[in-house]
């Protein structure tokens, strides 16, 4: 498994135990080094924007003292929601590696499909952002575990 996807997967797995948010993890990588990490903190913070990708962007920007993440890549255990996809674009990250699909997230009850449809033309332009799926056979495990949880919260 890719070392950076493993970090994202592990962050998602930690959320299965902490119940701080959904089963999502992300990391920002620059020149082969992790500069930002994030897991979903929506439930912990009562902040609907506290998705893993947003938290990783905030952490990376703080760590390099810049709002510009040009030259960085992001590794996420799931295809980003429309909000996160927009934030990634705004941060100037040009390459995303993701594990689980948006359909995998919808199967759990996360309801982004209408927003995806609205933004569908944006998700097909490689000039804006390149989306590359990797390691789904590993990242899907947290989703499968989340699906079995009795104390999960869908938001």
C-alpha atoms as a PDB file:
ATOM      1  CA  UNK A   1       0.000   0.000   0.000  1.00  0.00           C
ATOM      2  CA  UNK A   2       1.177   3.523  -0.748  1.00  0.00           C
ATOM      3  CA  UNK A   3       2.740   5.006   2.410  1.00  0.00           C
ATOM      4  CA  UNK A   4       0.761   8.250   2.188  1.00  0.00           C
ATOM      5  CA  UNK A   5      -2.541   6.491   1.512  1.00  0.00           C
ATOM      6  CA  UNK A   6      -1.781   4.364   4.588  1.00  0.00           C
ATOM      7  CA  UNK A   7      -1.537   7.559   6.663  1.00  0.00           C
ATOM      8  CA  UNK A   8      -4.954   8.658   5.376  1.00  0.00           C
ATOM      9  CA  UNK A   9      -6.385   5.206   6.010  1.00  0.00           C
ATOM     10  CA  UNK A  10      -4.991   5.186   9.558  1.00  0.00           C
ATOM     11  CA  UNK A  11      -6.473   8.623  10.274  1.00  0.00           C
ATOM     12  CA  UNK A  12      -9.866   7.355   9.079  1.00  0.00           C
ATOM     13  CA  UNK A  13      -9.478   4.272  11.254  1.00  0.00           C
ATOM     14  CA  UNK A  14      -8.760   6.450  14.324  1.00  0.00           C
ATOM     15  CA  UNK A  15     -12.096   8.181  13.737  1.00  0.00           C
ATOM     16  CA  UNK A  16     -13.859   4.832  13.897  1.00  0.00           C
ATOM     17  CA  UNK A  17     -12.649   4.643  17.504  1.00  0.00           C
ATOM     18  CA  UNK A  18     -13.019   8.296  18.539  1.00  0.00           C
ATOM     19  CA  UNK A  19     -16.383   9.103  16.892  1.00  0.00           C
ATOM     20  CA  UNK A  20     -15.107  12.641  16.200  1.00  0.00           C
ATOM     21  CA  UNK A  21     -16.458  12.468  12.656  1.00  0.00           C
ATOM     22  CA  UNK A  22     -16.956  10.189   9.690  1.00  0.00           C
ATOM     23  CA  UNK A  23     -14.459   7.564   8.503  1.00  0.00           C
ATOM     24  CA  UNK A  24     -12.311   9.961   6.505  1.00  0.00           C
ATOM     25  CA  UNK A  25      -8.602  10.815   6.583  1.00  0.00           C
ATOM     26  CA  UNK A  26      -6.299  12.917   4.415  1.00  0.00           C
ATOM     27  CA  UNK A  27      -2.720  14.060   4.162  1.00  0.00           C
ATOM     28  CA  UNK A  28      -0.925  16.716   2.125  1.00  0.00           C
ATOM     29  CA  UNK A  29       2.473  15.785   0.714  1.00  0.00           C
ATOM     30  CA  UNK A  30       5.163  18.070  -0.706  1.00  0.00           C
ATOM     31  CA  UNK A  31       8.421  16.759  -2.139  1.00  0.00           C
ATOM     32  CA  UNK A  32       7.788  13.329  -0.640  1.00  0.00           C
ATOM     33  CA  UNK A  33       7.169  14.680   2.885  1.00  0.00           C
ATOM     34  CA  UNK A  34       3.864  14.908   4.772  1.00  0.00           C
ATOM     35  CA  UNK A  35       3.228  18.561   5.608  1.00  0.00           C
ATOM     36  CA  UNK A  36      -0.383  18.279   6.739  1.00  0.00           C
ATOM     37  CA  UNK A  37      -2.747  15.684   8.182  1.00  0.00           C
ATOM     38  CA  UNK A  38      -6.419  15.715   8.898  1.00  0.00           C
ATOM     39  CA  UNK A  39      -9.305  13.539   9.903  1.00  0.00           C
ATOM     40  CA  UNK A  40     -12.983  14.384   9.874  1.00  0.00           C
ATOM     41  CA  UNK A  41     -13.902  16.454  12.978  1.00  0.00           C
ATOM     42  CA  UNK A  42     -17.478  17.428  12.079  1.00  0.00           C
ATOM     43  CA  UNK A  43     -19.041  15.849  15.166  1.00  0.00           C
ATOM     44  CA  UNK A  44     -16.297  16.931  17.569  1.00  0.00           C
ATOM     45  CA  UNK A  45     -16.392  20.577  16.495  1.00  0.00           C
ATOM     46  CA  UNK A  46     -20.023  20.905  15.350  1.00  0.00           C
ATOM     47  CA  UNK A  47     -18.498  22.353  12.195  1.00  0.00           C
ATOM     48  CA  UNK A  48     -19.906  20.978   8.934  1.00  0.00           C
ATOM     49  CA  UNK A  49     -16.769  22.151   7.110  1.00  0.00           C
ATOM     50  CA  UNK A  50     -14.370  20.175   9.330  1.00  0.00           C
ATOM     51  CA  UNK A  51     -13.860  17.437   6.751  1.00  0.00           C
ATOM     52  CA  UNK A  52     -10.572  15.538   6.636  1.00  0.00           C
ATOM     53  CA  UNK A  53      -9.382  17.339   3.508  1.00  0.00           C
ATOM     54  CA  UNK A  54     -10.133  20.773   4.985  1.00  0.00           C
ATOM     55  CA  UNK A  55      -8.365  19.860   8.226  1.00  0.00           C
ATOM     56  CA  UNK A  56      -5.323  18.586   6.277  1.00  0.00           C
ATOM     57  CA  UNK A  57      -5.221  21.781   4.187  1.00  0.00           C
ATOM     58  CA  UNK A  58      -5.405  23.929   7.328  1.00  0.00           C
ATOM     59  CA  UNK A  59      -2.635  21.891   8.966  1.00  0.00           C
ATOM     60  CA  UNK A  60      -0.399  22.060   5.883  1.00  0.00           C
ATOM     61  CA  UNK A  61      -0.887  25.804   5.447  1.00  0.00           C
ATOM     62  CA  UNK A  62      -0.081  26.400   9.105  1.00  0.00           C
ATOM     63  CA  UNK A  63       3.005  24.182   8.920  1.00  0.00           C
ATOM     64  CA  UNK A  64       4.487  25.898   5.859  1.00  0.00           C
ATOM     65  CA  UNK A  65       3.130  29.349   6.762  1.00  0.00           C
ATOM     66  CA  UNK A  66       1.410  29.814   3.412  1.00  0.00           C
ATOM     67  CA  UNK A  67      -2.057  29.700   1.930  1.00  0.00           C
ATOM     68  CA  UNK A  68      -0.601  28.315  -1.307  1.00  0.00           C
ATOM     69  CA  UNK A  69      -0.091  24.560  -1.567  1.00  0.00           C
ATOM     70  CA  UNK A  70       1.270  24.591  -5.120  1.00  0.00           C
ATOM     71  CA  UNK A  71       3.495  21.603  -5.734  1.00  0.00           C
ATOM     72  CA  UNK A  72       1.631  19.482  -3.180  1.00  0.00           C
ATOM     73  CA  UNK A  73      -0.406  16.321  -3.614  1.00  0.00           C
ATOM     74  CA  UNK A  74      -3.249  15.096  -1.448  1.00  0.00           C
ATOM     75  CA  UNK A  75      -3.952  11.518  -0.404  1.00  0.00           C
ATOM     76  CA  UNK A  76      -7.509  10.844   0.757  1.00  0.00           C
ATOM     77  CA  UNK A  77      -9.174   7.578   1.678  1.00  0.00           C
ATOM     78  CA  UNK A  78     -12.270   8.657  -0.308  1.00  0.00           C
ATOM     79  CA  UNK A  79     -13.125  10.762  -3.342  1.00  0.00           C
ATOM     80  CA  UNK A  80     -13.580  14.325  -2.046  1.00  0.00           C
ATOM     81  CA  UNK A  81     -17.002  15.856  -1.548  1.00  0.00           C
ATOM     82  CA  UNK A  82     -17.781  18.964  -3.628  1.00  0.00           C
ATOM     83  CA  UNK A  83     -16.829  21.347  -0.800  1.00  0.00           C
ATOM     84  CA  UNK A  84     -13.481  19.646  -0.280  1.00  0.00           C
ATOM     85  CA  UNK A  85     -12.830  19.379  -3.988  1.00  0.00           C
ATOM     86  CA  UNK A  86     -13.350  23.137  -4.236  1.00  0.00           C
ATOM     87  CA  UNK A  87     -11.060  23.801  -1.259  1.00  0.00           C
ATOM     88  CA  UNK A  88      -8.371  21.582  -2.776  1.00  0.00           C
ATOM     89  CA  UNK A  89      -8.601  23.530  -6.010  1.00  0.00           C
ATOM     90  CA  UNK A  90      -8.444  26.837  -4.111  1.00  0.00           C
ATOM     91  CA  UNK A  91      -5.334  25.659  -2.265  1.00  0.00           C
ATOM     92  CA  UNK A  92      -3.596  24.965  -5.620  1.00  0.00           C
ATOM     93  CA  UNK A  93      -3.160  21.242  -5.076  1.00  0.00           C
ATOM     94  CA  UNK A  94      -3.205  19.746  -8.562  1.00  0.00           C
ATOM     95  CA  UNK A  95      -3.095  15.997  -7.867  1.00  0.00           C
ATOM     96  CA  UNK A  96      -5.346  13.943  -5.610  1.00  0.00           C
ATOM     97  CA  UNK A  97      -4.957  10.256  -4.861  1.00  0.00           C
ATOM     98  CA  UNK A  98      -8.132   8.748  -3.426  1.00  0.00           C
ATOM     99  CA  UNK A  99      -9.241   5.304  -2.326  1.00  0.00           C
ATOM    100  CA  UNK A 100     -12.986   4.868  -1.932  1.00  0.00           C
ATOM    101  CA  UNK A 101     -15.450   6.220  -4.465  1.00  0.00           C
ATOM    102  CA  UNK A 102     -18.214   8.759  -3.970  1.00  0.00           C
ATOM    103  CA  UNK A 103     -20.616   5.858  -4.510  1.00  0.00           C
ATOM    104  CA  UNK A 104     -18.999   4.049  -1.572  1.00  0.00           C
ATOM    105  CA  UNK A 105     -19.693   7.117   0.603  1.00  0.00           C
ATOM    106  CA  UNK A 106     -23.265   7.382  -0.685  1.00  0.00           C
ATOM    107  CA  UNK A 107     -23.822   3.733   0.245  1.00  0.00           C
ATOM    108  CA  UNK A 108     -23.001   4.682   3.859  1.00  0.00           C
ATOM    109  CA  UNK A 109     -25.576   7.474   3.781  1.00  0.00           C
ATOM    110  CA  UNK A 110     -23.422  10.512   2.993  1.00  0.00           C
ATOM    111  CA  UNK A 111     -25.606  12.594   0.667  1.00  0.00           C
ATOM    112  CA  UNK A 112     -23.459  14.561  -1.739  1.00  0.00           C
ATOM    113  CA  UNK A 113     -24.919  13.244  -5.005  1.00  0.00           C
ATOM    114  CA  UNK A 114     -27.066  16.292  -5.831  1.00  0.00           C
ATOM    115  CA  UNK A 115     -24.087  18.580  -5.331  1.00  0.00           C
ATOM    116  CA  UNK A 116     -21.899  16.281  -7.442  1.00  0.00           C
ATOM    117  CA  UNK A 117     -24.456  16.482 -10.232  1.00  0.00           C
ATOM    118  CA  UNK A 118     -24.436  20.268 -10.006  1.00  0.00           C
ATOM    119  CA  UNK A 119     -20.643  20.357 -10.280  1.00  0.00           C
ATOM    120  CA  UNK A 120     -20.283  17.399 -12.660  1.00  0.00           C
ATOM    121  CA  UNK A 121     -18.664  19.417 -15.421  1.00  0.00           C
ATOM    122  CA  UNK A 122     -15.888  20.515 -13.035  1.00  0.00           C
ATOM    123  CA  UNK A 123     -14.989  16.924 -12.128  1.00  0.00           C
ATOM    124  CA  UNK A 124     -14.206  15.974 -15.707  1.00  0.00           C
ATOM    125  CA  UNK A 125     -11.590  18.608 -16.550  1.00  0.00           C
ATOM    126  CA  UNK A 126      -8.024  17.354 -15.995  1.00  0.00           C
ATOM    127  CA  UNK A 127      -6.784  20.910 -16.567  1.00  0.00           C
ATOM    128  CA  UNK A 128      -8.456  21.978 -13.313  1.00  0.00           C
ATOM    129  CA  UNK A 129      -7.484  18.952 -11.215  1.00  0.00           C
ATOM    130  CA  UNK A 130      -6.321  15.407 -11.825  1.00  0.00           C
ATOM    131  CA  UNK A 131      -8.154  12.676  -9.883  1.00  0.00           C
ATOM    132  CA  UNK A 132      -6.459   9.283  -9.634  1.00  0.00           C
ATOM    133  CA  UNK A 133      -7.924   6.340  -7.720  1.00  0.00           C
ATOM    134  CA  UNK A 134      -5.518   4.028  -5.857  1.00  0.00           C
ATOM    135  CA  UNK A 135      -5.651   1.383  -3.102  1.00  0.00           C
ATOM    136  CA  UNK A 136      -9.457   1.111  -2.835  1.00  0.00           C
ATOM    137  CA  UNK A 137      -9.106  -2.531  -1.792  1.00  0.00           C
ATOM    138  CA  UNK A 138      -7.418  -1.249   1.379  1.00  0.00           C
ATOM    139  CA  UNK A 139      -9.285   2.020   1.990  1.00  0.00           C
ATOM    140  CA  UNK A 140     -12.700   0.379   1.706  1.00  0.00           C
ATOM    141  CA  UNK A 141     -12.059  -1.487   4.972  1.00  0.00           C
ATOM    142  CA  UNK A 142     -12.760   1.576   7.127  1.00  0.00           C
ATOM    143  CA  UNK A 143     -16.025   2.106   5.285  1.00  0.00           C
ATOM    144  CA  UNK A 144     -16.973  -1.522   5.833  1.00  0.00           C
ATOM    145  CA  UNK A 145     -16.147  -1.172   9.544  1.00  0.00           C
ATOM    146  CA  UNK A 146     -18.079   2.101   9.774  1.00  0.00           C
ATOM    147  CA  UNK A 147     -21.096   0.449   8.159  1.00  0.00           C
ATOM    148  CA  UNK A 148     -21.092  -2.182  10.943  1.00  0.00           C
ATOM    149  CA  UNK A 149     -20.813   0.354  13.794  1.00  0.00           C
ATOM    150  CA  UNK A 150     -23.855   0.573  16.049  1.00  0.00           C
ATOM    151  CA  UNK A 151     -22.931   4.042  17.394  1.00  0.00           C
ATOM    152  CA  UNK A 152     -22.200   5.819  14.075  1.00  0.00           C
ATOM    153  CA  UNK A 153     -23.643   9.191  13.200  1.00  0.00           C
ATOM    154  CA  UNK A 154     -24.483  10.087   9.619  1.00  0.00           C
ATOM    155  CA  UNK A 155     -24.599  13.807   8.915  1.00  0.00           C
END
